[in-house]
Protein backbone atom coordinates (compact mmCIF):
# COMPACT_ATOMS: atom_id res chain seq x y z
CA UNK A 1 135.23 -33.60 -77.63
CA UNK A 2 132.17 -34.08 -81.02
CA UNK A 3 130.10 -31.91 -82.43
CA UNK A 4 127.35 -33.61 -80.57
CA UNK A 5 129.10 -33.97 -77.61
CA UNK A 6 129.56 -31.23 -76.63
CA UNK A 7 125.80 -29.61 -77.96
CA UNK A 8 125.03 -31.95 -75.17
CA UNK A 9 125.81 -30.11 -72.46
CA UNK A 10 124.46 -27.38 -73.39
CA UNK A 11 120.50 -26.80 -72.37
CA UNK A 12 118.36 -26.70 -74.79
CA UNK A 13 115.67 -23.68 -74.30
CA UNK A 14 112.25 -22.86 -75.48
CA UNK A 15 112.30 -19.55 -76.82
CA UNK A 16 110.49 -16.17 -76.25
CA UNK A 17 108.32 -14.53 -78.11
CA UNK A 18 109.13 -11.21 -79.61
CA UNK A 19 106.46 -8.89 -81.61
CA UNK A 20 106.50 -8.88 -85.11
CA UNK A 21 108.01 -6.23 -86.52
CA UNK A 22 104.69 -4.91 -88.71
CA UNK A 23 106.66 -3.35 -91.37
CA UNK A 24 109.77 -6.59 -91.52
CA UNK A 25 111.65 -3.93 -94.93
CA UNK A 26 112.56 -1.99 -92.15
CA UNK A 27 113.16 -4.42 -89.76
CA UNK A 28 116.26 -5.80 -92.53
CA UNK A 29 117.95 -1.75 -92.28
CA UNK A 30 118.31 -2.12 -89.33
CA UNK A 31 119.09 -5.54 -88.28
CA UNK A 32 121.15 -8.52 -89.50
CA UNK A 33 119.52 -12.65 -89.41
CA UNK A 34 121.35 -14.86 -88.17
CA UNK A 35 120.28 -19.12 -88.17
CA UNK A 36 120.69 -21.26 -86.61
CA UNK A 37 120.14 -23.95 -83.38
CA UNK A 38 120.00 -21.98 -80.43
CA UNK A 39 120.79 -22.35 -76.79
CA UNK A 40 121.06 -22.00 -73.85
CA UNK A 41 124.53 -20.05 -72.68
CA UNK A 42 126.42 -22.56 -70.12
CA UNK A 43 126.63 -19.04 -67.36
CA UNK A 44 125.14 -16.05 -68.38
CA UNK A 45 121.47 -15.73 -68.68
CA UNK A 46 121.75 -12.91 -70.24
CA UNK A 47 122.75 -14.81 -73.40
CA UNK A 48 122.54 -16.83 -76.40
CA UNK A 49 124.21 -18.98 -77.99
CA UNK A 50 123.68 -20.16 -81.77
CA UNK A 51 125.01 -22.51 -83.27
CA UNK A 52 125.39 -22.79 -87.07
CA UNK A 53 124.58 -26.07 -88.93
CA UNK A 54 124.65 -28.11 -86.00
CA UNK A 55 125.84 -31.44 -87.68
CA UNK A 56 128.64 -30.24 -90.19
CA UNK A 57 131.73 -31.12 -89.21
CA UNK A 58 133.42 -27.70 -89.42
CA UNK A 59 130.37 -25.59 -87.47
CA UNK A 60 130.89 -22.80 -85.07
CA UNK A 61 128.31 -20.93 -82.77
CA UNK A 62 127.97 -16.70 -82.18
CA UNK A 63 126.69 -15.50 -78.55
CA UNK A 64 124.43 -12.19 -78.73
CA UNK A 65 123.15 -10.65 -75.66
CA UNK A 66 118.79 -11.55 -75.79
CA UNK A 67 118.62 -8.22 -75.53
CA UNK A 68 120.16 -7.21 -79.05
CA UNK A 69 117.77 -9.42 -80.40
CA UNK A 70 114.44 -7.97 -82.40
CA UNK A 71 113.12 -10.85 -83.68
CA UNK A 72 113.05 -14.24 -84.44
CA UNK A 73 111.69 -16.60 -87.06
CA UNK A 74 111.23 -20.51 -86.65
CA UNK A 75 113.02 -21.86 -88.82
CA UNK A 76 112.55 -25.72 -89.58
CA UNK A 77 114.05 -28.30 -87.63
CA UNK A 78 116.63 -31.02 -88.05
CA UNK A 79 117.17 -34.34 -88.08
CA UNK A 80 119.82 -36.69 -88.36
CA UNK A 81 120.46 -40.03 -88.12
CA UNK A 82 118.95 -41.38 -85.24
CA UNK A 83 116.17 -39.13 -84.70
CA UNK A 84 118.26 -36.50 -82.75
CA UNK A 85 116.08 -33.01 -83.36
CA UNK A 86 117.79 -29.51 -83.16
CA UNK A 87 114.91 -27.12 -83.64
CA UNK A 88 116.25 -23.95 -86.51
CA UNK A 89 115.33 -20.71 -86.81
CA UNK A 90 116.64 -16.92 -87.77
CA UNK A 91 116.80 -14.29 -85.36
CA UNK A 92 117.09 -11.35 -85.77
CA UNK A 93 119.69 -8.74 -83.85
CA UNK A 94 120.99 -5.09 -84.20
CA UNK A 95 122.71 -3.82 -85.87
CA UNK A 96 126.55 -1.92 -84.71
CA UNK A 97 126.06 -4.56 -81.81
CA UNK A 98 128.23 -6.29 -80.55
CA UNK A 99 128.28 -10.33 -80.88
CA UNK A 100 131.30 -13.45 -80.79
CA UNK A 101 131.69 -15.88 -83.05
CA UNK A 102 133.67 -18.68 -81.79
CA UNK A 103 134.78 -21.85 -84.61
CA UNK A 104 136.68 -24.35 -82.71
CA UNK A 105 139.99 -26.32 -83.82
CA UNK A 106 142.31 -29.32 -83.05
CA UNK A 107 145.07 -27.90 -81.80
CA UNK A 108 148.55 -30.26 -84.42
CA UNK A 109 151.40 -29.75 -85.99
CA UNK A 110 150.72 -30.04 -89.56
CA UNK A 111 154.29 -29.87 -90.13
CA UNK A 112 155.39 -33.01 -89.82
């Protein structure tokens, strides 16, 4: 399964509104930023998936609880050669939150 076909199965969604922090320096003290293309979680509405570099052949994704996200910044969209557009964002997640990082790979025996 290619990255594009896997991403086509996940429904896209609009970014929810988050209040702009009064002091962005304090935001960095209590949060960590992650950038990527946001996707709806396939079965849990309280989680969000963030696909890092969606057109790379070596991509991965993060899974965060929505309640752990404190701020979202919109970044420039990515467009592929076929005109498909993926929105990109930077999300700020509370430090010490529990999240998942998933790296898909092809199972193979490299010894021969």
